[in-house]
Amino acid sequence: MAGISALKKKGSSDSPGNTTEVKKIAIVGLPNTGKSQVFNNLTGEYALVANYPLTTVEMKRTRCKIAGELYEIIDTPGLHCLYIHSEEELVVRDMIFSEKPDIIIQCIDANLLKQSLTLTVDLLELEIPMVISLNAIDETARKGIWIDSDGLSHHLGVPVIESIAVNGLGTNQLKAAISKARISKWSVNYGKIIDGGISTIASELPEDVQFR
């Protein structure tokens, strides 16, 4: 794929003495929102992540160069929110908390925008630079539904890239947006009582605890 150079898998070493920093990109989202297809489009690899009960839960990882920068791309099982409901979601949350990726790409199916935005709120509060891949816009267009992606980007404070992942449309724009990923300054107002309680609890946590 043009512009992409697939490199060695995680666990392999580059040439001796090579200290090139490898940034991590985690691709997350609800089940069946195009995460694996986005992974394939960015890396030129093939990934299939199962979300069925009793199946082995694995995350696909590979290294590649995008715009001359070296990244480790991580494809993950479906995640509805950070309040865990399944083994698959626990694996994804543990990866985010323990590895703290440099960038999160959230895949959103345009047909499931409302459901996906619940996860978006959780991810924004982690204060990790984000990009949103708004997938399946062709399906919403056929239904006569138009989503203001620019307005959504402005409101959330992170890049929102329209895509049709199955056809590779939007891939080049997504690659370009990776370097523009940023931490959102938008915050959720839960109300005075809940926000006050959160602040009180956070103040009691050790300073070295991540995602306070």
Protein backbone atom coordinates (compact mmCIF):
# COMPACT_ATOMS: atom_id res chain seq x y z
CA MET A 1 0.00 0.00 0.00
CA ALA A 2 1.39 3.38 -0.99
CA GLY A 3 2.99 5.33 1.83
CA ILE A 4 3.12 2.35 4.17
CA SER A 5 6.13 0.18 4.92
CA ALA A 6 5.24 -2.84 7.04
CA LEU A 7 7.96 -3.64 9.54
CA LYS A 8 8.72 -6.38 12.03
CA LYS A 9 6.17 -7.58 14.57
CA LYS A 10 6.36 -6.60 18.22
CA GLY A 11 9.00 -8.62 20.00
CA SER A 12 11.44 -8.52 17.09
CA SER A 13 14.36 -6.13 17.18
CA ASP A 14 15.59 -3.71 14.59
CA SER A 15 19.27 -3.30 13.82
CA PRO A 16 21.58 -3.24 16.89
CA GLY A 17 21.83 0.17 18.47
CA ASN A 18 18.64 1.41 16.82
CA THR A 19 16.88 3.55 19.40
CA THR A 20 14.06 4.84 17.18
CA GLU A 21 11.07 5.69 19.33
CA VAL A 22 8.02 3.61 18.50
CA LYS A 23 4.73 5.33 19.28
CA LYS A 24 1.67 3.22 20.00
CA ILE A 25 -1.70 3.70 18.34
CA ALA A 26 -4.66 1.80 19.79
CA ILE A 27 -7.67 1.31 17.52
CA VAL A 28 -10.78 1.00 19.68
CA GLY A 29 -14.54 1.15 19.26
CA LEU A 30 -17.81 -0.70 19.60
CA PRO A 31 -17.96 -4.19 18.04
CA ASN A 32 -18.33 -4.24 14.26
CA THR A 33 -17.44 -0.61 13.64
CA GLY A 34 -14.59 -1.26 11.20
CA LYS A 35 -11.62 -1.43 13.59
CA SER A 36 -9.91 -4.37 11.91
CA GLN A 37 -10.49 -2.89 8.47
CA VAL A 38 -8.91 0.39 9.57
CA PHE A 39 -5.98 -1.64 10.98
CA ASN A 40 -5.63 -3.43 7.64
CA ASN A 41 -5.81 -0.16 5.69
CA LEU A 42 -3.14 1.54 7.82
CA THR A 43 -0.70 -1.36 7.99
CA GLY A 44 -1.30 -3.48 4.92
CA GLU A 45 -1.72 -6.48 7.25
CA TYR A 46 -4.75 -8.72 7.78
CA ALA A 47 -6.47 -8.85 11.16
CA LEU A 48 -9.55 -10.62 12.44
CA VAL A 49 -10.56 -10.00 16.05
CA ALA A 50 -13.36 -12.19 17.44
CA ASN A 51 -16.00 -10.89 19.84
CA TYR A 52 -17.80 -14.19 20.34
CA PRO A 53 -18.19 -15.75 23.82
CA LEU A 54 -15.62 -18.38 24.82
CA THR A 55 -13.23 -17.48 22.03
CA THR A 56 -9.60 -16.64 22.70
CA VAL A 57 -9.18 -12.89 23.02
CA GLU A 58 -6.16 -11.58 21.18
CA MET A 59 -5.05 -8.16 20.06
CA LYS A 60 -3.31 -7.87 16.72
CA ARG A 61 -0.17 -5.75 16.73
CA THR A 62 2.22 -4.73 14.00
CA ARG A 63 4.70 -1.99 13.30
CA CYS A 64 4.60 0.27 10.29
CA LYS A 65 5.72 3.67 9.09
CA ILE A 66 3.21 6.40 8.44
CA ALA A 67 4.50 9.67 7.00
CA GLY A 68 8.02 8.61 7.97
CA GLU A 69 7.15 7.98 11.64
CA LEU A 70 7.38 4.51 13.20
CA TYR A 71 4.24 3.29 14.98
CA GLU A 72 3.01 0.14 16.65
CA ILE A 73 -0.64 -0.26 15.65
CA ILE A 74 -2.89 -2.26 18.00
CA ASP A 75 -6.21 -3.70 16.83
CA THR A 76 -8.58 -4.54 19.69
CA PRO A 77 -11.84 -6.38 20.40
CA GLY A 78 -15.04 -4.38 20.82
CA LEU A 79 -15.38 -1.97 23.73
CA HIS A 80 -18.64 -0.32 24.80
CA CYS A 81 -17.30 1.75 27.69
CA LEU A 82 -14.62 1.71 30.38
CA TYR A 83 -17.11 0.19 32.85
CA ILE A 84 -16.41 -3.39 31.92
CA HIS A 85 -19.10 -5.90 30.94
CA SER A 86 -17.05 -8.72 29.40
CA GLU A 87 -13.65 -10.40 29.29
CA GLU A 88 -12.97 -8.83 25.91
CA GLU A 89 -13.58 -5.33 27.25
CA LEU A 90 -11.37 -6.02 30.28
CA VAL A 91 -8.47 -6.94 27.99
CA VAL A 92 -8.85 -3.68 26.06
CA ARG A 93 -9.17 -1.50 29.15
CA ASP A 94 -6.16 -3.15 30.81
CA MET A 95 -4.09 -2.49 27.69
CA ILE A 96 -5.07 1.18 27.64
CA PHE A 97 -4.37 1.62 31.36
CA SER A 98 -1.11 -0.34 31.48
CA GLU A 99 0.45 0.68 28.17
CA LYS A 100 -1.08 4.15 27.80
CA PRO A 101 -0.94 4.41 24.00
CA ASP A 102 0.32 7.65 22.51
CA ILE A 103 -2.74 7.95 20.28
CA ILE A 104 -6.23 6.43 20.25
CA ILE A 105 -8.16 6.03 17.02
CA GLN A 106 -11.82 5.50 17.85
CA CYS A 107 -13.77 3.83 15.06
CA ILE A 108 -17.38 4.97 14.99
CA ASP A 109 -20.03 3.43 12.76
CA ALA A 110 -22.02 6.42 11.54
CA ASN A 111 -25.18 4.32 11.99
CA LEU A 112 -24.36 3.92 15.69
CA LEU A 113 -23.28 7.47 16.45
CA LYS A 114 -25.28 7.92 19.66
CA GLN A 115 -24.09 4.63 21.16
CA SER A 116 -20.48 5.32 20.16
CA LEU A 117 -20.40 8.79 21.71
CA THR A 118 -20.86 7.25 25.16
CA LEU A 119 -17.49 5.55 24.66
CA THR A 120 -16.06 8.76 23.21
CA VAL A 121 -16.74 10.57 26.47
CA ASP A 122 -14.88 7.88 28.44
CA LEU A 123 -11.91 8.02 26.07
CA LEU A 124 -11.69 11.83 26.05
CA GLU A 125 -11.43 11.84 29.83
CA LEU A 126 -8.26 9.72 29.63
CA GLU A 127 -6.48 12.77 28.18
CA ILE A 128 -4.80 10.73 25.44
CA PRO A 129 -4.52 12.33 21.98
CA MET A 130 -7.37 11.06 19.80
CA VAL A 131 -8.61 10.82 16.24
CA ILE A 132 -12.09 9.63 15.29
CA SER A 133 -12.66 7.55 12.17
CA LEU A 134 -16.31 8.07 11.25
CA ASN A 135 -17.00 4.95 9.22
CA ALA A 136 -19.84 3.76 6.95
CA ILE A 137 -20.90 7.24 5.93
CA ASP A 138 -22.15 5.78 2.66
CA GLU A 139 -24.80 3.83 4.55
CA THR A 140 -26.11 6.88 6.40
CA ALA A 141 -26.11 8.85 3.12
CA ARG A 142 -28.35 6.22 1.52
CA LYS A 143 -30.75 6.72 4.43
CA GLY A 144 -30.78 10.47 3.83
CA ILE A 145 -28.83 11.16 7.03
CA TRP A 146 -25.99 13.69 7.02
CA ILE A 147 -23.56 13.98 9.92
CA ASP A 148 -21.72 17.27 10.39
CA SER A 149 -18.25 15.80 10.91
CA ASP A 150 -16.61 19.23 11.02
CA GLY A 151 -19.06 20.36 13.68
CA LEU A 152 -18.49 17.14 15.63
CA SER A 153 -14.73 17.67 15.44
CA HIS A 154 -15.08 21.26 16.64
CA HIS A 155 -17.34 20.24 19.53
CA LEU A 156 -15.19 17.31 20.72
CA GLY A 157 -11.87 19.01 20.05
CA VAL A 158 -10.31 16.12 18.09
CA PRO A 159 -10.01 15.35 14.35
CA VAL A 160 -12.98 13.49 12.84
CA ILE A 161 -12.28 11.75 9.54
CA GLU A 162 -15.12 10.47 7.36
CA SER A 163 -14.42 7.05 5.87
CA ILE A 164 -15.72 3.99 4.09
CA ALA A 165 -13.15 1.61 5.54
CA VAL A 166 -14.20 -1.44 3.54
CA ASN A 167 -13.25 0.43 0.34
CA GLY A 168 -10.21 2.17 1.85
CA LEU A 169 -11.80 5.59 1.38
CA GLY A 170 -10.58 8.09 3.95
CA THR A 171 -7.39 6.13 4.70
CA ASN A 172 -5.03 8.82 3.42
CA GLN A 173 -6.90 11.48 5.38
CA LEU A 174 -6.71 9.30 8.50
CA LYS A 175 -2.95 8.87 8.07
CA ALA A 176 -2.57 12.64 7.78
CA ALA A 177 -4.73 13.19 10.88
CA ILE A 178 -2.55 10.94 13.06
CA SER A 179 0.08 13.65 13.33
CA LYS A 180 -2.69 16.09 14.33
CA ALA A 181 -4.15 13.91 17.10
CA ARG A 182 -4.67 15.95 20.21
CA ILE A 183 -6.03 15.89 23.74
CA SER A 184 -9.53 17.31 23.87
CA LYS A 185 -10.16 20.30 26.09
CA TRP A 186 -13.87 19.47 26.19
CA SER A 187 -15.08 18.24 29.56
CA VAL A 188 -18.27 16.59 30.74
CA ASN A 189 -20.38 18.34 33.33
CA TYR A 190 -21.87 15.67 35.59
CA GLY A 191 -23.42 18.19 37.93
CA LYS A 192 -22.12 19.88 41.07
CA ILE A 193 -22.60 16.92 43.43
CA ILE A 194 -21.00 14.26 41.21
CA ASP A 195 -18.17 16.52 40.02
CA GLY A 196 -17.46 17.47 43.65
CA GLY A 197 -17.35 13.82 44.66
CA ILE A 198 -15.01 12.95 41.80
CA SER A 199 -12.66 15.78 42.78
CA THR A 200 -12.64 14.63 46.41
CA ILE A 201 -11.82 11.04 45.50
CA ALA A 202 -9.15 12.10 42.98
CA SER A 203 -7.44 14.25 45.61
CA GLU A 204 -7.00 11.17 47.83
CA LEU A 205 -5.27 9.12 45.12
CA PRO A 206 -1.45 8.95 44.90
CA GLU A 207 0.09 11.40 42.45
CA ASP A 208 1.64 8.60 40.38
CA VAL A 209 -1.73 6.95 39.66
CA GLN A 210 -2.55 7.23 35.97
CA PHE A 211 -5.89 8.56 34.76
CA ARG A 212 -6.79 10.29 38.02
